[in-house]
Amino acid sequence: MNYQIIYKAANSYEAHFIKGLLERYSIESKLLGGNLSVGIGELPIDVLQVDILVPKNQIEKSRNIISDYENNLLSNKNKGNWACPSCKEMNPLSFEICWNCK
């Protein structure tokens, strides 16, 4: 079966999470590069990324699943934040004044 890289996970943890997510939709995947984390103190951060590969006939479905995952991450990241009325910068809910323009 022919495989193609569809995503570069930030680290091994994210890669295994996405692999499990794809498996929930019956998509087989392979990971490349996850064993380099032992050299974390000596390697550039982009080397620690893990490539996720899927069969070529599952690329579109896989990209849609990963896109939903990324959108969910972004929406959860912004929950509880507020936009400053003056400079429009996002601030955590725990901040009473804007960190940017005060």
PDB file of N, CA and C in Angstrom:
ATOM      1  N   MET A   1       0.852  -1.181   0.000  1.00  0.00           N
ATOM      2  CA  MET A   1       0.000   0.000   0.000  1.00  0.00           C
ATOM      3  C   MET A   1       0.894   1.238   0.000  1.00  0.00           C
ATOM      4  N   ASN A   2       0.587   2.231  -0.823  1.00  0.00           N
ATOM      5  CA  ASN A   2       1.327   3.478  -0.902  1.00  0.00           C
ATOM      6  C   ASN A   2       0.880   4.442   0.185  1.00  0.00           C
ATOM      7  N   TYR A   3       1.839   5.022   0.919  1.00  0.00           N
ATOM      8  CA  TYR A   3       1.542   5.979   1.981  1.00  0.00           C
ATOM      9  C   TYR A   3       2.098   7.345   1.621  1.00  0.00           C
ATOM     10  N   GLN A   4       1.466   8.379   2.181  1.00  0.00           N
ATOM     11  CA  GLN A   4       1.924   9.739   1.942  1.00  0.00           C
ATOM     12  C   GLN A   4       1.863  10.511   3.254  1.00  0.00           C
ATOM     13  N   ILE A   5       2.846  11.397   3.463  1.00  0.00           N
ATOM     14  CA  ILE A   5       2.855  12.250   4.654  1.00  0.00           C
ATOM     15  C   ILE A   5       1.724  13.263   4.525  1.00  0.00           C
ATOM     16  N   ILE A   6       0.900  13.353   5.569  1.00  0.00           N
ATOM     17  CA  ILE A   6      -0.189  14.333   5.534  1.00  0.00           C
ATOM     18  C   ILE A   6      -0.104  15.356   6.657  1.00  0.00           C
ATOM     19  N   TYR A   7       0.756  15.099   7.654  1.00  0.00           N
ATOM     20  CA  TYR A   7       0.810  16.012   8.804  1.00  0.00           C
ATOM     21  C   TYR A   7       2.140  15.852   9.515  1.00  0.00           C
ATOM     22  N   LYS A   8       2.641  16.962  10.061  1.00  0.00           N
ATOM     23  CA  LYS A   8       3.827  16.943  10.910  1.00  0.00           C
ATOM     24  C   LYS A   8       3.375  17.306  12.322  1.00  0.00           C
ATOM     25  N   ALA A   9       3.330  16.308  13.174  1.00  0.00           N
ATOM     26  CA  ALA A   9       2.938  16.543  14.561  1.00  0.00           C
ATOM     27  C   ALA A   9       4.085  17.230  15.295  1.00  0.00           C
ATOM     28  N   ALA A  10       3.748  18.065  16.257  1.00  0.00           N
ATOM     29  CA  ALA A  10       4.753  18.821  17.003  1.00  0.00           C
ATOM     30  C   ALA A  10       5.676  17.917  17.808  1.00  0.00           C
ATOM     31  N   ASN A  11       5.149  16.782  18.243  1.00  0.00           N
ATOM     32  CA  ASN A  11       5.940  15.863  19.058  1.00  0.00           C
ATOM     33  C   ASN A  11       5.295  14.482  19.024  1.00  0.00           C
ATOM     34  N   SER A  12       5.914  13.550  19.704  1.00  0.00           N
ATOM     35  CA  SER A  12       5.450  12.170  19.710  1.00  0.00           C
ATOM     36  C   SER A  12       4.060  12.036  20.350  1.00  0.00           C
ATOM     37  N   TYR A  13       3.800  12.830  21.383  1.00  0.00           N
ATOM     38  CA  TYR A  13       2.497  12.754  22.057  1.00  0.00           C
ATOM     39  C   TYR A  13       1.360  13.139  21.107  1.00  0.00           C
ATOM     40  N   GLU A  14       1.548  14.257  20.396  1.00  0.00           N
ATOM     41  CA  GLU A  14       0.522  14.682  19.446  1.00  0.00           C
ATOM     42  C   GLU A  14       0.372  13.655  18.326  1.00  0.00           C
ATOM     43  N   ALA A  15       1.486  13.120  17.858  1.00  0.00           N
ATOM     44  CA  ALA A  15       1.442  12.134  16.772  1.00  0.00           C
ATOM     45  C   ALA A  15       0.638  10.905  17.177  1.00  0.00           C
ATOM     46  N   HIS A  16       0.857  10.410  18.373  1.00  0.00           N
ATOM     47  CA  HIS A  16       0.122   9.226  18.828  1.00  0.00           C
ATOM     48  C   HIS A  16      -1.351   9.546  19.057  1.00  0.00           C
ATOM     49  N   PHE A  17      -1.635  10.763  19.499  1.00  0.00           N
ATOM     50  CA  PHE A  17      -3.034  11.171  19.661  1.00  0.00           C
ATOM     51  C   PHE A  17      -3.738  11.175  18.310  1.00  0.00           C
ATOM     52  N   ILE A  18      -3.113  11.773  17.306  1.00  0.00           N
ATOM     53  CA  ILE A  18      -3.713  11.843  15.965  1.00  0.00           C
ATOM     54  C   ILE A  18      -3.824  10.448  15.358  1.00  0.00           C
ATOM     55  N   LYS A  19      -2.817   9.614  15.574  1.00  0.00           N
ATOM     56  CA  LYS A  19      -2.870   8.232  15.081  1.00  0.00           C
ATOM     57  C   LYS A  19      -4.100   7.527  15.667  1.00  0.00           C
ATOM     58  N   GLY A  20      -4.344   7.702  16.960  1.00  0.00           N
ATOM     59  CA  GLY A  20      -5.521   7.113  17.600  1.00  0.00           C
ATOM     60  C   GLY A  20      -6.813   7.689  17.057  1.00  0.00           C
ATOM     61  N   LEU A  21      -6.809   8.987  16.790  1.00  0.00           N
ATOM     62  CA  LEU A  21      -7.991   9.638  16.219  1.00  0.00           C
ATOM     63  C   LEU A  21      -8.309   9.062  14.846  1.00  0.00           C
ATOM     64  N   LEU A  22      -7.291   8.885  14.025  1.00  0.00           N
ATOM     65  CA  LEU A  22      -7.493   8.310  12.695  1.00  0.00           C
ATOM     66  C   LEU A  22      -7.982   6.865  12.791  1.00  0.00           C
ATOM     67  N   GLU A  23      -7.454   6.114  13.752  1.00  0.00           N
ATOM     68  CA  GLU A  23      -7.881   4.725  13.931  1.00  0.00           C
ATOM     69  C   GLU A  23      -9.365   4.633  14.285  1.00  0.00           C
ATOM     70  N   ARG A  24      -9.876   5.638  15.004  1.00  0.00           N
ATOM     71  CA  ARG A  24     -11.306   5.663  15.335  1.00  0.00           C
ATOM     72  C   ARG A  24     -12.157   5.706  14.077  1.00  0.00           C
ATOM     73  N   TYR A  25     -11.586   6.238  12.995  1.00  0.00           N
ATOM     74  CA  TYR A  25     -12.293   6.309  11.713  1.00  0.00           C
ATOM     75  C   TYR A  25     -11.802   5.232  10.747  1.00  0.00           C
ATOM     76  N   SER A  26     -11.193   4.196  11.293  1.00  0.00           N
ATOM     77  CA  SER A  26     -10.702   3.042  10.523  1.00  0.00           C
ATOM     78  C   SER A  26      -9.668   3.427   9.463  1.00  0.00           C
ATOM     79  N   ILE A  27      -8.824   4.398   9.806  1.00  0.00           N
ATOM     80  CA  ILE A  27      -7.748   4.802   8.900  1.00  0.00           C
ATOM     81  C   ILE A  27      -6.426   4.354   9.507  1.00  0.00           C
ATOM     82  N   GLU A  28      -5.736   3.490   8.779  1.00  0.00           N
ATOM     83  CA  GLU A  28      -4.423   3.036   9.215  1.00  0.00           C
ATOM     84  C   GLU A  28      -3.428   4.173   8.993  1.00  0.00           C
ATOM     85  N   SER A  29      -2.492   4.342   9.915  1.00  0.00           N
ATOM     86  CA  SER A  29      -1.473   5.375   9.746  1.00  0.00           C
ATOM     87  C   SER A  29      -0.136   4.866  10.258  1.00  0.00           C
ATOM     88  N   LYS A  30       0.917   5.528   9.810  1.00  0.00           N
ATOM     89  CA  LYS A  30       2.274   5.216  10.248  1.00  0.00           C
ATOM     90  C   LYS A  30       2.930   6.494  10.734  1.00  0.00           C
ATOM     91  N   LEU A  31       3.838   6.347  11.699  1.00  0.00           N
ATOM     92  CA  LEU A  31       4.560   7.486  12.253  1.00  0.00           C
ATOM     93  C   LEU A  31       6.039   7.354  11.908  1.00  0.00           C
ATOM     94  N   LEU A  32       6.646   8.465  11.511  1.00  0.00           N
ATOM     95  CA  LEU A  32       8.079   8.498  11.223  1.00  0.00           C
ATOM     96  C   LEU A  32       8.736   9.595  12.052  1.00  0.00           C
ATOM     97  N   GLY A  33       9.798   9.233  12.776  1.00  0.00           N
ATOM     98  CA  GLY A  33      10.575  10.239  13.497  1.00  0.00           C
ATOM     99  C   GLY A  33      10.283  10.335  14.977  1.00  0.00           C
ATOM    100  N   GLY A  34       9.426   9.527  15.509  1.00  0.00           N
ATOM    101  CA  GLY A  34       9.051   9.626  16.920  1.00  0.00           C
ATOM    102  C   GLY A  34      10.108   9.172  17.888  1.00  0.00           C
ATOM    103  N   ASN A  35      11.132   8.489  17.431  1.00  0.00           N
ATOM    104  CA  ASN A  35      12.141   7.967  18.350  1.00  0.00           C
ATOM    105  C   ASN A  35      13.292   8.929  18.604  1.00  0.00           C
ATOM    106  N   LEU A  36      13.232  10.121  18.044  1.00  0.00           N
ATOM    107  CA  LEU A  36      14.331  11.071  18.209  1.00  0.00           C
ATOM    108  C   LEU A  36      14.222  11.894  19.486  1.00  0.00           C
ATOM    109  N   SER A  37      13.135  11.756  20.237  1.00  0.00           N
ATOM    110  CA  SER A  37      12.930  12.581  21.424  1.00  0.00           C
ATOM    111  C   SER A  37      13.971  12.326  22.511  1.00  0.00           C
ATOM    112  N   VAL A  38      14.704  11.222  22.453  1.00  0.00           N
ATOM    113  CA  VAL A  38      15.745  10.973  23.454  1.00  0.00           C
ATOM    114  C   VAL A  38      16.859  12.009  23.364  1.00  0.00           C
ATOM    115  N   GLY A  39      17.042  12.627  22.225  1.00  0.00           N
ATOM    116  CA  GLY A  39      18.073  13.642  22.052  1.00  0.00           C
ATOM    117  C   GLY A  39      17.542  15.051  22.177  1.00  0.00           C
ATOM    118  N   ILE A  40      16.457  15.222  22.911  1.00  0.00           N
ATOM    119  CA  ILE A  40      15.738  16.501  22.955  1.00  0.00           C
ATOM    120  C   ILE A  40      16.614  17.693  23.306  1.00  0.00           C
ATOM    121  N   GLY A  41      17.598  17.524  24.162  1.00  0.00           N
ATOM    122  CA  GLY A  41      18.433  18.651  24.548  1.00  0.00           C
ATOM    123  C   GLY A  41      19.447  19.049  23.499  1.00  0.00           C
ATOM    124  N   GLU A  42      19.685  18.197  22.539  1.00  0.00           N
ATOM    125  CA  GLU A  42      20.731  18.458  21.567  1.00  0.00           C
ATOM    126  C   GLU A  42      20.244  18.608  20.136  1.00  0.00           C
ATOM    127  N   LEU A  43      18.956  18.408  19.911  1.00  0.00           N
ATOM    128  CA  LEU A  43      18.425  18.481  18.551  1.00  0.00           C
ATOM    129  C   LEU A  43      17.560  19.718  18.368  1.00  0.00           C
ATOM    130  N   PRO A  44      17.545  20.290  17.156  1.00  0.00           N
ATOM    131  CA  PRO A  44      16.631  21.411  16.887  1.00  0.00           C
ATOM    132  C   PRO A  44      15.184  20.946  17.037  1.00  0.00           C
ATOM    133  N   ILE A  45      14.305  21.855  17.416  1.00  0.00           N
ATOM    134  CA  ILE A  45      12.914  21.506  17.715  1.00  0.00           C
ATOM    135  C   ILE A  45      12.192  20.909  16.511  1.00  0.00           C
ATOM    136  N   ASP A  46      12.505  21.359  15.288  1.00  0.00           N
ATOM    137  CA  ASP A  46      11.796  20.818  14.126  1.00  0.00           C
ATOM    138  C   ASP A  46      12.168  19.365  13.844  1.00  0.00           C
ATOM    139  N   VAL A  47      13.299  18.899  14.371  1.00  0.00           N
ATOM    140  CA  VAL A  47      13.687  17.500  14.206  1.00  0.00           C
ATOM    141  C   VAL A  47      12.786  16.602  15.051  1.00  0.00           C
ATOM    142  N   LEU A  48      12.217  17.147  16.109  1.00  0.00           N
ATOM    143  CA  LEU A  48      11.373  16.363  17.007  1.00  0.00           C
ATOM    144  C   LEU A  48       9.972  16.154  16.442  1.00  0.00           C
ATOM    145  N   GLN A  49       9.640  16.841  15.370  1.00  0.00           N
ATOM    146  CA  GLN A  49       8.341  16.649  14.749  1.00  0.00           C
ATOM    147  C   GLN A  49       8.230  15.229  14.216  1.00  0.00           C
ATOM    148  N   VAL A  50       7.004  14.718  14.235  1.00  0.00           N
ATOM    149  CA  VAL A  50       6.762  13.354  13.784  1.00  0.00           C
ATOM    150  C   VAL A  50       5.845  13.401  12.564  1.00  0.00           C
ATOM    151  N   ASP A  51       6.289  12.774  11.482  1.00  0.00           N
ATOM    152  CA  ASP A  51       5.477  12.712  10.270  1.00  0.00           C
ATOM    153  C   ASP A  51       4.399  11.650  10.437  1.00  0.00           C
ATOM    154  N   ILE A  52       3.190  11.999  10.007  1.00  0.00           N
ATOM    155  CA  ILE A  52       2.078  11.048  10.009  1.00  0.00           C
ATOM    156  C   ILE A  52       1.763  10.719   8.557  1.00  0.00           C
ATOM    157  N   LEU A  53       1.782   9.435   8.251  1.00  0.00           N
ATOM    158  CA  LEU A  53       1.522   8.955   6.898  1.00  0.00           C
ATOM    159  C   LEU A  53       0.244   8.135   6.885  1.00  0.00           C
ATOM    160  N   VAL A  54      -0.510   8.272   5.804  1.00  0.00           N
ATOM    161  CA  VAL A  54      -1.729   7.478   5.620  1.00  0.00           C
ATOM    162  C   VAL A  54      -1.734   6.925   4.197  1.00  0.00           C
ATOM    163  N   PRO A  55      -2.539   5.882   3.963  1.00  0.00           N
ATOM    164  CA  PRO A  55      -2.662   5.370   2.592  1.00  0.00           C
ATOM    165  C   PRO A  55      -3.174   6.458   1.654  1.00  0.00           C
ATOM    166  N   LYS A  56      -2.684   6.445   0.440  1.00  0.00           N
ATOM    167  CA  LYS A  56      -3.062   7.490  -0.518  1.00  0.00           C
ATOM    168  C   LYS A  56      -4.570   7.575  -0.745  1.00  0.00           C
ATOM    169  N   ASN A  57      -5.269   6.451  -0.618  1.00  0.00           N
ATOM    170  CA  ASN A  57      -6.722   6.489  -0.837  1.00  0.00           C
ATOM    171  C   ASN A  57      -7.486   7.034   0.386  1.00  0.00           C
ATOM    172  N   GLN A  58      -6.776   7.379   1.470  1.00  0.00           N
ATOM    173  CA  GLN A  58      -7.406   7.911   2.680  1.00  0.00           C
ATOM    174  C   GLN A  58      -6.971   9.357   2.982  1.00  0.00           C
ATOM    175  N   ILE A  59      -6.259   9.975   2.053  1.00  0.00           N
ATOM    176  CA  ILE A  59      -5.687  11.307   2.299  1.00  0.00           C
ATOM    177  C   ILE A  59      -6.767  12.350   2.592  1.00  0.00           C
ATOM    178  N   GLU A  60      -7.762  12.463   1.744  1.00  0.00           N
ATOM    179  CA  GLU A  60      -8.773  13.509   1.920  1.00  0.00           C
ATOM    180  C   GLU A  60      -9.532  13.341   3.234  1.00  0.00           C
ATOM    181  N   LYS A  61      -9.968  12.133   3.517  1.00  0.00           N
ATOM    182  CA  LYS A  61     -10.692  11.864   4.763  1.00  0.00           C
ATOM    183  C   LYS A  61      -9.805  12.178   5.972  1.00  0.00           C
ATOM    184  N   SER A  62      -8.539  11.800   5.893  1.00  0.00           N
ATOM    185  CA  SER A  62      -7.596  12.043   6.992  1.00  0.00           C
ATOM    186  C   SER A  62      -7.371  13.535   7.206  1.00  0.00           C
ATOM    187  N   ARG A  63      -7.210  14.271   6.128  1.00  0.00           N
ATOM    188  CA  ARG A  63      -7.000  15.725   6.243  1.00  0.00           C
ATOM    189  C   ARG A  63      -8.220  16.404   6.864  1.00  0.00           C
ATOM    190  N   ASN A  64      -9.410  15.953   6.529  1.00  0.00           N
ATOM    191  CA  ASN A  64     -10.619  16.515   7.128  1.00  0.00           C
ATOM    192  C   ASN A  64     -10.663  16.254   8.635  1.00  0.00           C
ATOM    193  N   ILE A  65     -10.287  15.050   9.042  1.00  0.00           N
ATOM    194  CA  ILE A  65     -10.278  14.698  10.462  1.00  0.00           C
ATOM    195  C   ILE A  65      -9.251  15.552  11.209  1.00  0.00           C
ATOM    196  N   ILE A  66      -8.070  15.694  10.626  1.00  0.00           N
ATOM    197  CA  ILE A  66      -7.015  16.492  11.266  1.00  0.00           C
ATOM    198  C   ILE A  66      -7.395  17.967  11.286  1.00  0.00           C
ATOM    199  N   SER A  67      -8.045  18.450  10.255  1.00  0.00           N
ATOM    200  CA  SER A  67      -8.509  19.837  10.227  1.00  0.00           C
ATOM    201  C   SER A  67      -9.507  20.093  11.352  1.00  0.00           C
ATOM    202  N   ASP A  68     -10.426  19.166  11.561  1.00  0.00           N
ATOM    203  CA  ASP A  68     -11.379  19.292  12.677  1.00  0.00           C
ATOM    204  C   ASP A  68     -10.642  19.314  14.014  1.00  0.00           C
ATOM    205  N   TYR A  69      -9.626  18.469  14.151  1.00  0.00           N
ATOM    206  CA  TYR A  69      -8.806  18.427  15.369  1.00  0.00           C
ATOM    207  C   TYR A  69      -8.148  19.789  15.611  1.00  0.00           C
ATOM    208  N   GLU A  70      -7.529  20.373  14.571  1.00  0.00           N
ATOM    209  CA  GLU A  70      -6.861  21.669  14.714  1.00  0.00           C
ATOM    210  C   GLU A  70      -7.853  22.782  15.045  1.00  0.00           C
ATOM    211  N   ASN A  71      -9.013  22.774  14.384  1.00  0.00           N
ATOM    212  CA  ASN A  71     -10.032  23.793  14.669  1.00  0.00           C
ATOM    213  C   ASN A  71     -10.531  23.684  16.102  1.00  0.00           C
ATOM    214  N   ASN A  72     -10.672  22.467  16.593  1.00  0.00           N
ATOM    215  CA  ASN A  72     -11.101  22.251  17.968  1.00  0.00           C
ATOM    216  C   ASN A  72     -10.052  22.781  18.946  1.00  0.00           C
ATOM    217  N   LEU A  73      -8.771  22.578  18.624  1.00  0.00           N
ATOM    218  CA  LEU A  73      -7.695  23.101  19.467  1.00  0.00           C
ATOM    219  C   LEU A  73      -7.761  24.623  19.546  1.00  0.00           C
ATOM    220  N   LEU A  74      -7.953  25.258  18.397  1.00  0.00           N
ATOM    221  CA  LEU A  74      -8.011  26.719  18.361  1.00  0.00           C
ATOM    222  C   LEU A  74      -9.206  27.264  19.129  1.00  0.00           C
ATOM    223  N   SER A  75     -10.343  26.635  18.981  1.00  0.00           N
ATOM    224  CA  SER A  75     -11.532  27.134  19.677  1.00  0.00           C
ATOM    225  C   SER A  75     -11.396  26.947  21.188  1.00  0.00           C
ATOM    226  N   ASN A  76     -10.783  25.847  21.627  1.00  0.00           N
ATOM    227  CA  ASN A  76     -10.568  25.636  23.059  1.00  0.00           C
ATOM    228  C   ASN A  76      -9.528  26.600  23.609  1.00  0.00           C
ATOM    229  N   LYS A  77      -8.551  26.955  22.796  1.00  0.00           N
ATOM    230  CA  LYS A  77      -7.498  27.877  23.227  1.00  0.00           C
ATOM    231  C   LYS A  77      -8.071  29.266  23.492  1.00  0.00           C
ATOM    232  N   ASN A  78      -9.073  29.669  22.723  1.00  0.00           N
ATOM    233  CA  ASN A  78      -9.629  31.003  22.856  1.00  0.00           C
ATOM    234  C   ASN A  78     -10.801  31.092  23.832  1.00  0.00           C
ATOM    235  N   LYS A  79     -11.253  29.959  24.361  1.00  0.00           N
ATOM    236  CA  LYS A  79     -12.343  30.000  25.331  1.00  0.00           C
ATOM    237  C   LYS A  79     -11.887  30.714  26.588  1.00  0.00           C
ATOM    238  N   GLY A  80     -12.727  31.576  27.091  1.00  0.00           N
ATOM    239  CA  GLY A  80     -12.392  32.266  28.322  1.00  0.00           C
ATOM    240  C   GLY A  80     -11.522  33.489  28.113  1.00  0.00           C
ATOM    241  N   ASN A  81     -11.181  33.811  26.893  1.00  0.00           N
ATOM    242  CA  ASN A  81     -10.392  35.001  26.608  1.00  0.00           C
ATOM    243  C   ASN A  81     -11.324  36.150  26.253  1.00  0.00           C
ATOM    244  N   TRP A  82     -10.813  37.370  26.383  1.00  0.00           N
ATOM    245  CA  TRP A  82     -11.596  38.533  25.989  1.00  0.00           C
ATOM    246  C   TRP A  82     -10.718  39.456  25.154  1.00  0.00           C
ATOM    247  N   ALA A  83     -11.362  40.147  24.226  1.00  0.00           N
ATOM    248  CA  ALA A  83     -10.646  41.071  23.349  1.00  0.00           C
ATOM    249  C   ALA A  83     -10.697  42.467  23.948  1.00  0.00           C
ATOM    250  N   CYS A  84      -9.534  43.116  24.006  1.00  0.00           N
ATOM    251  CA  CYS A  84      -9.452  44.478  24.520  1.00  0.00           C
ATOM    252  C   CYS A  84     -10.226  45.415  23.594  1.00  0.00           C
ATOM    253  N   PRO A  85     -11.107  46.256  24.152  1.00  0.00           N
ATOM    254  CA  PRO A  85     -11.868  47.171  23.295  1.00  0.00           C
ATOM    255  C   PRO A  85     -10.994  48.230  22.616  1.00  0.00           C
ATOM    256  N   SER A  86      -9.823  48.524  23.202  1.00  0.00           N
ATOM    257  CA  SER A  86      -8.946  49.549  22.627  1.00  0.00           C
ATOM    258  C   SER A  86      -8.041  49.009  21.524  1.00  0.00           C
ATOM    259  N   CYS A  87      -7.275  47.938  21.851  1.00  0.00           N
ATOM    260  CA  CYS A  87      -6.281  47.451  20.882  1.00  0.00           C
ATOM    261  C   CYS A  87      -6.657  46.130  20.238  1.00  0.00           C
ATOM    262  N   LYS A  88      -7.765  45.527  20.676  1.00  0.00           N
ATOM    263  CA  LYS A  88      -8.273  44.258  20.130  1.00  0.00           C
ATOM    264  C   LYS A  88      -7.403  43.040  20.459  1.00  0.00           C
ATOM    265  N   GLU A  89      -6.422  43.188  21.336  1.00  0.00           N
ATOM    266  CA  GLU A  89      -5.559  42.062  21.732  1.00  0.00           C
ATOM    267  C   GLU A  89      -6.347  41.103  22.618  1.00  0.00           C
ATOM    268  N   MET A  90      -6.082  39.781  22.441  1.00  0.00           N
ATOM    269  CA  MET A  90      -6.752  38.784  23.270  1.00  0.00           C
ATOM    270  C   MET A  90      -6.056  38.675  24.621  1.00  0.00           C
ATOM    271  N   ASN A  91      -6.871  38.587  25.679  1.00  0.00           N
ATOM    272  CA  ASN A  91      -6.375  38.492  27.045  1.00  0.00           C
ATOM    273  C   ASN A  91      -7.043  37.326  27.757  1.00  0.00           C
ATOM    274  N   PRO A  92      -6.318  36.654  28.670  1.00  0.00           N
ATOM    275  CA  PRO A  92      -6.949  35.596  29.456  1.00  0.00           C
ATOM    276  C   PRO A  92      -8.061  36.164  30.334  1.00  0.00           C
ATOM    277  N   LEU A  93      -9.048  35.367  30.619  1.00  0.00           N
ATOM    278  CA  LEU A  93     -10.174  35.792  31.438  1.00  0.00           C
ATOM    279  C   LEU A  93      -9.723  36.305  32.803  1.00  0.00           C
ATOM    280  N   SER A  94      -8.626  35.793  33.317  1.00  0.00           N
ATOM    281  CA  SER A  94      -8.136  36.199  34.639  1.00  0.00           C
ATOM    282  C   SER A  94      -7.520  37.598  34.646  1.00  0.00           C
ATOM    283  N   PHE A  95      -7.248  38.184  33.476  1.00  0.00           N
ATOM    284  CA  PHE A  95      -6.696  39.526  33.415  1.00  0.00           C
ATOM    285  C   PHE A  95      -7.810  40.562  33.493  1.00  0.00           C
ATOM    286  N   GLU A  96      -7.643  41.548  34.364  1.00  0.00           N
ATOM    287  CA  GLU A  96      -8.643  42.622  34.476  1.00  0.00           C
ATOM    288  C   GLU A  96      -8.324  43.768  33.534  1.00  0.00           C
ATOM    289  N   ILE A  97      -7.033  43.924  33.195  1.00  0.00           N
ATOM    290  CA  ILE A  97      -6.644  44.960  32.246  1.00  0.00           C
ATOM    291  C   ILE A  97      -5.835  44.292  31.117  1.00  0.00           C
ATOM    292  N   CYS A  98      -5.807  44.949  29.987  1.00  0.00           N
ATOM    293  CA  CYS A  98      -5.121  44.401  28.815  1.00  0.00           C
ATOM    294  C   CYS A  98      -3.615  44.355  29.056  1.00  0.00           C
ATOM    295  N   TRP A  99      -3.002  43.235  28.734  1.00  0.00           N
ATOM    296  CA  TRP A  99      -1.561  43.086  28.905  1.00  0.00           C
ATOM    297  C   TRP A  99      -0.810  43.922  27.894  1.00  0.00           C
ATOM    298  N   ASN A 100      -1.441  44.245  26.768  1.00  0.00           N
ATOM    299  CA  ASN A 100      -0.778  44.942  25.676  1.00  0.00           C
ATOM    300  C   ASN A 100      -0.798  46.465  25.848  1.00  0.00           C
ATOM    301  N   CYS A 101      -1.972  47.020  26.084  1.00  0.00           N
ATOM    302  CA  CYS A 101      -2.067  48.488  26.139  1.00  0.00           C
ATOM    303  C   CYS A 101      -2.352  49.014  27.551  1.00  0.00           C
ATOM    304  N   LYS A 102      -2.647  48.117  28.473  1.00  0.00           N
ATOM    305  CA  LYS A 102      -2.894  48.425  29.876  1.00  0.00           C
ATOM    306  C   LYS A 102      -4.041  49.404  30.033  1.00  0.00           C
TER     307      LYS A 102
END
